[in-house]
Amino acid sequence: MPVLTRRDALVAAAGFVVASAGARADENVPAGSSGGNLLAALPGKKPLIQRAFRPPNFETPVADLAPFYTGNAVFFVRYHLPVIPRVDTAGWRLRVGGPSAQRPLELSLAELKSGFPQVSLAAVNQCSGNRRGLFSPRIPGVQWANGAMGHALWTGVRLRDVLHKAQVAAGALEVVFNGADTPLLPATPDFVKSLPIDRALDETATPCRTGTAPPRASSCPDGPARTG
């Protein structure tokens, strides 16, 4: 799978539109915070607050959080690992497996769209480190202010419908998600997140998105899910 190379990263950096060179976008964040406070525009995005470049982490300005829904062009960008693949939607697959998946699945985007009910759910997506840059004393990590969050209408397949098709065993404890971004060095641990099985099977769990593919610079992960 093609990945974001160093050359791509440098080209992308050269393509940033700096809205206010040297200006601080949020005076509440301490000077010297990771990535600074410059406003910069990624491809397909309006100017956002740059908190880190590699991996790309960009924050939504507070003024853009005022509308009921946060627009795609201003939605915050969060990655944990720097090697970001160029996802080919035709070849992309969602894999569901693990010891509690009695019927392991491998689904294409087309199969997700045609084989499951499509639903829309309004939900807030917020990085757990939101406002980290305002902590005292300082703690390590991306120094977010208030904008590592957004409210959107998510359209796609309910997570529980996919899990039901995988015939999750009654004794399952959690669902583990692994994105497609990877580290530069083999010694760097992978980044995975999990949901308790009761939460994953709730009807209000955010659906697997099957709408228009977001720009490569987005906060939407993709990759396999593992039950255990």
C-alpha atoms as a PDB file:
ATOM      1  CA  MET A   1       0.000   0.000   0.000  1.00  0.00           C
ATOM      2  CA  PRO A   2       1.520   3.387  -0.968  1.00  0.00           C
ATOM      3  CA  VAL A   3       2.436   5.557   2.002  1.00  0.00           C
ATOM      4  CA  LEU A   4       3.099   9.196   2.729  1.00  0.00           C
ATOM      5  CA  THR A   5       6.839   9.478   2.060  1.00  0.00           C
ATOM      6  CA  ARG A   6       9.310  12.062   3.341  1.00  0.00           C
ATOM      7  CA  ARG A   7       9.164  13.714  -0.089  1.00  0.00           C
ATOM      8  CA  ASP A   8       5.352  13.832   0.081  1.00  0.00           C
ATOM      9  CA  ALA A   9       5.566  15.362   3.531  1.00  0.00           C
ATOM     10  CA  LEU A  10       7.970  18.068   2.364  1.00  0.00           C
ATOM     11  CA  VAL A  11       5.793  18.838  -0.652  1.00  0.00           C
ATOM     12  CA  ALA A  12       2.754  19.054   1.596  1.00  0.00           C
ATOM     13  CA  ALA A  13       4.619  21.361   3.935  1.00  0.00           C
ATOM     14  CA  ALA A  14       5.537  23.591   1.017  1.00  0.00           C
ATOM     15  CA  GLY A  15       1.866  23.675   0.041  1.00  0.00           C
ATOM     16  CA  PHE A  16       0.648  24.968   3.410  1.00  0.00           C
ATOM     17  CA  VAL A  17      -1.094  28.320   3.296  1.00  0.00           C
ATOM     18  CA  VAL A  18       0.190  30.187   6.341  1.00  0.00           C
ATOM     19  CA  ALA A  19      -2.545  32.599   7.321  1.00  0.00           C
ATOM     20  CA  SER A  20      -0.598  34.532   9.908  1.00  0.00           C
ATOM     21  CA  ALA A  21       3.142  34.002   9.886  1.00  0.00           C
ATOM     22  CA  GLY A  22       4.423  34.036  13.436  1.00  0.00           C
ATOM     23  CA  ALA A  23       1.042  35.042  14.877  1.00  0.00           C
ATOM     24  CA  ARG A  24      -0.389  33.094  17.788  1.00  0.00           C
ATOM     25  CA  ALA A  25      -3.842  31.627  17.169  1.00  0.00           C
ATOM     26  CA  ASP A  26      -4.568  30.950  20.859  1.00  0.00           C
ATOM     27  CA  GLU A  27      -2.844  32.961  23.558  1.00  0.00           C
ATOM     28  CA  ASN A  28      -3.994  30.483  26.229  1.00  0.00           C
ATOM     29  CA  VAL A  29      -1.545  27.824  25.036  1.00  0.00           C
ATOM     30  CA  PRO A  30       1.958  28.215  26.500  1.00  0.00           C
ATOM     31  CA  ALA A  31       4.744  29.418  24.227  1.00  0.00           C
ATOM     32  CA  GLY A  32       6.857  26.573  22.851  1.00  0.00           C
ATOM     33  CA  SER A  33       3.950  24.135  22.590  1.00  0.00           C
ATOM     34  CA  SER A  34       4.421  21.284  20.116  1.00  0.00           C
ATOM     35  CA  GLY A  35       3.834  22.485  16.570  1.00  0.00           C
ATOM     36  CA  GLY A  36       3.418  26.130  17.559  1.00  0.00           C
ATOM     37  CA  ASN A  37       0.190  28.042  16.992  1.00  0.00           C
ATOM     38  CA  LEU A  38       0.398  28.898  13.301  1.00  0.00           C
ATOM     39  CA  LEU A  39      -2.667  28.694  11.106  1.00  0.00           C
ATOM     40  CA  ALA A  40      -1.938  26.436   8.134  1.00  0.00           C
ATOM     41  CA  ALA A  41      -4.112  24.874   5.436  1.00  0.00           C
ATOM     42  CA  LEU A  42      -3.782  21.201   4.524  1.00  0.00           C
ATOM     43  CA  PRO A  43      -5.095  20.031   1.121  1.00  0.00           C
ATOM     44  CA  GLY A  44      -8.893  20.044   1.249  1.00  0.00           C
ATOM     45  CA  LYS A  45      -8.943  22.016   4.496  1.00  0.00           C
ATOM     46  CA  LYS A  46      -9.354  25.619   5.597  1.00  0.00           C
ATOM     47  CA  PRO A  47      -6.609  27.100   7.794  1.00  0.00           C
ATOM     48  CA  LEU A  48      -6.353  25.159  11.064  1.00  0.00           C
ATOM     49  CA  ILE A  49      -4.098  25.555  14.101  1.00  0.00           C
ATOM     50  CA  GLN A  50      -0.975  23.468  13.525  1.00  0.00           C
ATOM     51  CA  ARG A  51      -0.001  21.578  16.689  1.00  0.00           C
ATOM     52  CA  ALA A  52       2.380  19.086  15.063  1.00  0.00           C
ATOM     53  CA  PHE A  53       3.478  18.362  11.497  1.00  0.00           C
ATOM     54  CA  ARG A  54       4.584  14.717  11.487  1.00  0.00           C
ATOM     55  CA  PRO A  55       2.332  13.054  12.337  1.00  0.00           C
ATOM     56  CA  PRO A  56      -0.095  15.806  11.275  1.00  0.00           C
ATOM     57  CA  ASN A  57      -2.153  17.194  14.143  1.00  0.00           C
ATOM     58  CA  PHE A  58      -4.269  20.268  13.415  1.00  0.00           C
ATOM     59  CA  GLU A  59      -6.849  21.916  15.658  1.00  0.00           C
ATOM     60  CA  THR A  60     -10.151  23.571  14.769  1.00  0.00           C
ATOM     61  CA  PRO A  61     -10.229  27.311  15.618  1.00  0.00           C
ATOM     62  CA  VAL A  62     -12.853  27.988  18.277  1.00  0.00           C
ATOM     63  CA  ALA A  63     -14.826  30.275  15.929  1.00  0.00           C
ATOM     64  CA  ASP A  64     -15.401  27.320  13.584  1.00  0.00           C
ATOM     65  CA  LEU A  65     -17.006  25.329  16.414  1.00  0.00           C
ATOM     66  CA  ALA A  66     -19.892  27.818  16.652  1.00  0.00           C
ATOM     67  CA  PRO A  67     -22.150  26.204  13.967  1.00  0.00           C
ATOM     68  CA  PHE A  68     -24.288  23.249  15.067  1.00  0.00           C
ATOM     69  CA  TYR A  69     -22.257  20.927  12.813  1.00  0.00           C
ATOM     70  CA  THR A  70     -18.493  21.275  12.360  1.00  0.00           C
ATOM     71  CA  GLY A  71     -17.671  21.384   8.637  1.00  0.00           C
ATOM     72  CA  ASN A  72     -15.379  18.786   7.023  1.00  0.00           C
ATOM     73  CA  ALA A  73     -13.011  21.538   5.916  1.00  0.00           C
ATOM     74  CA  VAL A  74     -12.417  22.671   9.515  1.00  0.00           C
ATOM     75  CA  PHE A  75     -12.710  19.348  11.375  1.00  0.00           C
ATOM     76  CA  PHE A  76      -9.646  18.677  13.510  1.00  0.00           C
ATOM     77  CA  VAL A  77      -6.919  16.306  12.261  1.00  0.00           C
ATOM     78  CA  ARG A  78      -5.448  13.706  14.637  1.00  0.00           C
ATOM     79  CA  TYR A  79      -2.827  11.040  13.873  1.00  0.00           C
ATOM     80  CA  HIS A  80      -0.642   9.130  16.330  1.00  0.00           C
ATOM     81  CA  LEU A  81       1.820   7.554  13.862  1.00  0.00           C
ATOM     82  CA  PRO A  82       3.620   9.324  10.996  1.00  0.00           C
ATOM     83  CA  VAL A  83       3.436   6.838   8.091  1.00  0.00           C
ATOM     84  CA  ILE A  84      -0.005   7.451   6.587  1.00  0.00           C
ATOM     85  CA  PRO A  85      -1.155   5.234   3.690  1.00  0.00           C
ATOM     86  CA  ARG A  86      -2.811   6.380   0.495  1.00  0.00           C
ATOM     87  CA  VAL A  87      -5.988   4.323   0.786  1.00  0.00           C
ATOM     88  CA  ASP A  88      -7.372   2.888  -2.456  1.00  0.00           C
ATOM     89  CA  THR A  89     -11.095   2.546  -1.743  1.00  0.00           C
ATOM     90  CA  ALA A  90     -11.434  -0.198  -4.373  1.00  0.00           C
ATOM     91  CA  GLY A  91      -8.848  -2.380  -2.642  1.00  0.00           C
ATOM     92  CA  TRP A  92      -9.589  -1.357   0.951  1.00  0.00           C
ATOM     93  CA  ARG A  93     -10.953  -4.048   3.287  1.00  0.00           C
ATOM     94  CA  LEU A  94     -12.408  -4.024   6.787  1.00  0.00           C
ATOM     95  CA  ARG A  95     -11.264  -7.153   8.632  1.00  0.00           C
ATOM     96  CA  VAL A  96     -13.073  -8.401  11.723  1.00  0.00           C
ATOM     97  CA  GLY A  97     -11.478 -11.305  13.584  1.00  0.00           C
ATOM     98  CA  GLY A  98     -10.065 -12.481  16.888  1.00  0.00           C
ATOM     99  CA  PRO A  99     -10.855 -15.291  19.310  1.00  0.00           C
ATOM    100  CA  SER A 100     -14.442 -14.113  19.912  1.00  0.00           C
ATOM    101  CA  ALA A 101     -15.352 -13.631  16.233  1.00  0.00           C
ATOM    102  CA  GLN A 102     -16.995 -16.937  15.382  1.00  0.00           C
ATOM    103  CA  ARG A 103     -17.386 -15.868  11.751  1.00  0.00           C
ATOM    104  CA  PRO A 104     -14.379 -13.697  10.754  1.00  0.00           C
ATOM    105  CA  LEU A 105     -15.171 -11.128   8.082  1.00  0.00           C
ATOM    106  CA  GLU A 106     -13.378  -9.263   5.329  1.00  0.00           C
ATOM    107  CA  LEU A 107     -15.618  -6.597   3.806  1.00  0.00           C
ATOM    108  CA  SER A 108     -15.068  -4.167   0.939  1.00  0.00           C
ATOM    109  CA  LEU A 109     -16.470  -0.650   1.015  1.00  0.00           C
ATOM    110  CA  ALA A 110     -19.059  -1.700  -1.584  1.00  0.00           C
ATOM    111  CA  GLU A 111     -20.142  -4.607   0.623  1.00  0.00           C
ATOM    112  CA  LEU A 112     -20.502  -2.314   3.625  1.00  0.00           C
ATOM    113  CA  LYS A 113     -22.723  -0.006   1.569  1.00  0.00           C
ATOM    114  CA  SER A 114     -24.926  -2.721   0.100  1.00  0.00           C
ATOM    115  CA  GLY A 115     -25.023  -5.393   2.792  1.00  0.00           C
ATOM    116  CA  PHE A 116     -26.065  -3.404   5.882  1.00  0.00           C
ATOM    117  CA  PRO A 117     -28.667  -0.774   6.823  1.00  0.00           C
ATOM    118  CA  GLN A 118     -27.311   2.761   6.404  1.00  0.00           C
ATOM    119  CA  VAL A 119     -27.952   5.108   9.336  1.00  0.00           C
ATOM    120  CA  SER A 120     -27.039   8.675  10.297  1.00  0.00           C
ATOM    121  CA  LEU A 121     -26.021   9.650  13.808  1.00  0.00           C
ATOM    122  CA  ALA A 122     -25.147  13.077  15.192  1.00  0.00           C
ATOM    123  CA  ALA A 123     -22.189  12.726  17.554  1.00  0.00           C
ATOM    124  CA  VAL A 124     -19.236  14.615  18.973  1.00  0.00           C
ATOM    125  CA  ASN A 125     -15.770  13.293  18.086  1.00  0.00           C
ATOM    126  CA  GLN A 126     -13.229  14.511  20.644  1.00  0.00           C
ATOM    127  CA  CYS A 127      -9.580  13.648  21.190  1.00  0.00           C
ATOM    128  CA  SER A 128      -9.048  12.460  24.762  1.00  0.00           C
ATOM    129  CA  GLY A 129      -6.155  14.938  24.968  1.00  0.00           C
ATOM    130  CA  ASN A 130      -8.301  17.972  24.169  1.00  0.00           C
ATOM    131  CA  ARG A 131      -7.165  20.997  26.297  1.00  0.00           C
ATOM    132  CA  ARG A 132      -3.919  19.207  27.257  1.00  0.00           C
ATOM    133  CA  GLY A 133      -2.003  22.373  26.390  1.00  0.00           C
ATOM    134  CA  LEU A 134      -3.864  24.221  29.151  1.00  0.00           C
ATOM    135  CA  PHE A 135      -2.810  21.831  31.925  1.00  0.00           C
ATOM    136  CA  SER A 136      -0.576  23.022  34.747  1.00  0.00           C
ATOM    137  CA  PRO A 137       1.932  21.556  35.298  1.00  0.00           C
ATOM    138  CA  ARG A 138       2.608  20.727  31.645  1.00  0.00           C
ATOM    139  CA  ILE A 139       2.311  17.087  30.559  1.00  0.00           C
ATOM    140  CA  PRO A 140       3.787  15.498  27.412  1.00  0.00           C
ATOM    141  CA  GLY A 141       1.751  15.037  24.261  1.00  0.00           C
ATOM    142  CA  VAL A 142       0.206  17.214  21.571  1.00  0.00           C
ATOM    143  CA  GLN A 143      -0.503  20.556  23.228  1.00  0.00           C
ATOM    144  CA  TRP A 144      -4.142  20.960  22.221  1.00  0.00           C
ATOM    145  CA  ALA A 145      -6.178  23.958  23.306  1.00  0.00           C
ATOM    146  CA  ASN A 146      -9.981  23.743  22.894  1.00  0.00           C
ATOM    147  CA  GLY A 147     -10.385  22.628  19.288  1.00  0.00           C
ATOM    148  CA  ALA A 148      -9.494  18.912  19.175  1.00  0.00           C
ATOM    149  CA  MET A 149     -13.178  18.139  18.842  1.00  0.00           C
ATOM    150  CA  GLY A 150     -16.102  18.514  16.462  1.00  0.00           C
ATOM    151  CA  HIS A 151     -19.793  17.708  16.088  1.00  0.00           C
ATOM    152  CA  ALA A 152     -20.885  16.026  12.861  1.00  0.00           C
ATOM    153  CA  LEU A 153     -23.589  13.903  11.251  1.00  0.00           C
ATOM    154  CA  TRP A 154     -21.941  10.523  10.631  1.00  0.00           C
ATOM    155  CA  THR A 155     -23.529   8.303   7.982  1.00  0.00           C
ATOM    156  CA  GLY A 156     -22.728   4.644   7.495  1.00  0.00           C
ATOM    157  CA  VAL A 157     -23.160   1.214   9.053  1.00  0.00           C
ATOM    158  CA  ARG A 158     -23.764   0.615  12.746  1.00  0.00           C
ATOM    159  CA  LEU A 159     -20.820  -1.070  14.419  1.00  0.00           C
ATOM    160  CA  ARG A 160     -23.129  -3.563  16.114  1.00  0.00           C
ATOM    161  CA  ASP A 161     -24.542  -4.726  12.752  1.00  0.00           C
ATOM    162  CA  VAL A 162     -21.042  -5.629  11.580  1.00  0.00           C
ATOM    163  CA  LEU A 163     -20.281  -7.369  14.879  1.00  0.00           C
ATOM    164  CA  HIS A 164     -23.532  -9.345  14.739  1.00  0.00           C
ATOM    165  CA  LYS A 165     -22.579 -10.599  11.275  1.00  0.00           C
ATOM    166  CA  ALA A 166     -19.226 -11.702  12.709  1.00  0.00           C
ATOM    167  CA  GLN A 167     -21.199 -13.682  15.331  1.00  0.00           C
ATOM    168  CA  VAL A 168     -19.379 -12.310  18.348  1.00  0.00           C
ATOM    169  CA  ALA A 169     -19.266 -14.896  21.152  1.00  0.00           C
ATOM    170  CA  ALA A 170     -21.267 -14.271  24.325  1.00  0.00           C
ATOM    171  CA  GLY A 171     -18.117 -14.074  26.471  1.00  0.00           C
ATOM    172  CA  ALA A 172     -16.422 -11.306  24.430  1.00  0.00           C
ATOM    173  CA  LEU A 173     -15.075  -8.408  26.509  1.00  0.00           C
ATOM    174  CA  GLU A 174     -14.024  -5.691  24.071  1.00  0.00           C
ATOM    175  CA  VAL A 175     -13.514  -4.670  20.449  1.00  0.00           C
ATOM    176  CA  VAL A 176      -9.998  -3.515  19.537  1.00  0.00           C
ATOM    177  CA  PHE A 177      -9.485  -1.125  16.590  1.00  0.00           C
ATOM    178  CA  ASN A 178      -6.252  -0.792  14.630  1.00  0.00           C
ATOM    179  CA  GLY A 179      -5.813   2.042  12.131  1.00  0.00           C
ATOM    180  CA  ALA A 180      -3.807   2.000   8.929  1.00  0.00           C
ATOM    181  CA  ASP A 181      -1.135   4.497  10.027  1.00  0.00           C
ATOM    182  CA  THR A 182       2.178   2.921  11.035  1.00  0.00           C
ATOM    183  CA  PRO A 183       5.410   4.002  12.782  1.00  0.00           C
ATOM    184  CA  LEU A 184       8.692   4.990  11.143  1.00  0.00           C
ATOM    185  CA  LEU A 185      10.738   2.620  13.329  1.00  0.00           C
ATOM    186  CA  PRO A 186       9.934  -1.063  13.972  1.00  0.00           C
ATOM    187  CA  ALA A 187      10.560  -0.576  17.696  1.00  0.00           C
ATOM    188  CA  THR A 188       7.718   1.952  17.956  1.00  0.00           C
ATOM    189  CA  PRO A 189       4.605   0.242  19.345  1.00  0.00           C
ATOM    190  CA  ASP A 190       1.439   0.146  17.287  1.00  0.00           C
ATOM    191  CA  PHE A 191      -1.410   2.413  18.355  1.00  0.00           C
ATOM    192  CA  VAL A 192      -4.714   0.650  19.025  1.00  0.00           C
ATOM    193  CA  LYS A 193      -7.895   1.618  20.866  1.00  0.00           C
ATOM    194  CA  SER A 194     -10.725  -0.446  22.275  1.00  0.00           C
ATOM    195  CA  LEU A 195     -14.387  -0.260  23.291  1.00  0.00           C
ATOM    196  CA  PRO A 196     -16.101  -2.468  25.882  1.00  0.00           C
ATOM    197  CA  ILE A 197     -18.302  -4.946  24.043  1.00  0.00           C
ATOM    198  CA  ASP A 198     -21.485  -3.553  25.636  1.00  0.00           C
ATOM    199  CA  ARG A 199     -20.668  -0.088  24.279  1.00  0.00           C
ATOM    200  CA  ALA A 200     -19.735  -1.428  20.835  1.00  0.00           C
ATOM    201  CA  LEU A 201     -23.074  -3.259  20.577  1.00  0.00           C
ATOM    202  CA  ASP A 202     -25.139  -0.250  21.663  1.00  0.00           C
ATOM    203  CA  GLU A 203     -27.408   1.121  18.925  1.00  0.00           C
ATOM    204  CA  THR A 204     -25.975   4.618  19.468  1.00  0.00           C
ATOM    205  CA  ALA A 205     -22.381   3.519  18.779  1.00  0.00           C
ATOM    206  CA  THR A 206     -20.971   5.681  15.975  1.00  0.00           C
ATOM    207  CA  PRO A 207     -21.476   3.967  12.605  1.00  0.00           C
ATOM    208  CA  CYS A 208     -18.685   2.754  10.348  1.00  0.00           C
ATOM    209  CA  ARG A 209     -18.510   5.624   7.881  1.00  0.00           C
ATOM    210  CA  THR A 210     -19.388   4.727   4.292  1.00  0.00           C
ATOM    211  CA  GLY A 211     -20.012   8.181   2.831  1.00  0.00           C
ATOM    212  CA  THR A 212     -17.745  10.225   0.599  1.00  0.00           C
ATOM    213  CA  ALA A 213     -14.127   9.414   1.406  1.00  0.00           C
ATOM    214  CA  PRO A 214     -12.492  12.191   3.463  1.00  0.00           C
ATOM    215  CA  PRO A 215      -9.232  13.814   2.374  1.00  0.00           C
ATOM    216  CA  ARG A 216      -6.103  11.861   3.295  1.00  0.00           C
ATOM    217  CA  ALA A 217      -5.530  14.380   6.084  1.00  0.00           C
ATOM    218  CA  SER A 218      -8.463  13.556   8.335  1.00  0.00           C
ATOM    219  CA  SER A 219      -9.159  12.194  11.788  1.00  0.00           C
ATOM    220  CA  CYS A 220     -10.956   9.063  10.552  1.00  0.00           C
ATOM    221  CA  PRO A 221      -9.025   5.799  11.105  1.00  0.00           C
ATOM    222  CA  ASP A 222      -9.386   2.666   9.060  1.00  0.00           C
ATOM    223  CA  GLY A 223      -8.172  -0.896   9.511  1.00  0.00           C
ATOM    224  CA  PRO A 224      -9.060  -4.174  11.212  1.00  0.00           C
ATOM    225  CA  ALA A 225     -11.203  -4.748  14.295  1.00  0.00           C
ATOM    226  CA  ARG A 226     -10.439  -7.571  16.708  1.00  0.00           C
ATOM    227  CA  THR A 227     -12.796  -9.011  19.309  1.00  0.00           C
ATOM    228  CA  GLY A 228     -11.620 -10.635  22.505  1.00  0.00           C
END
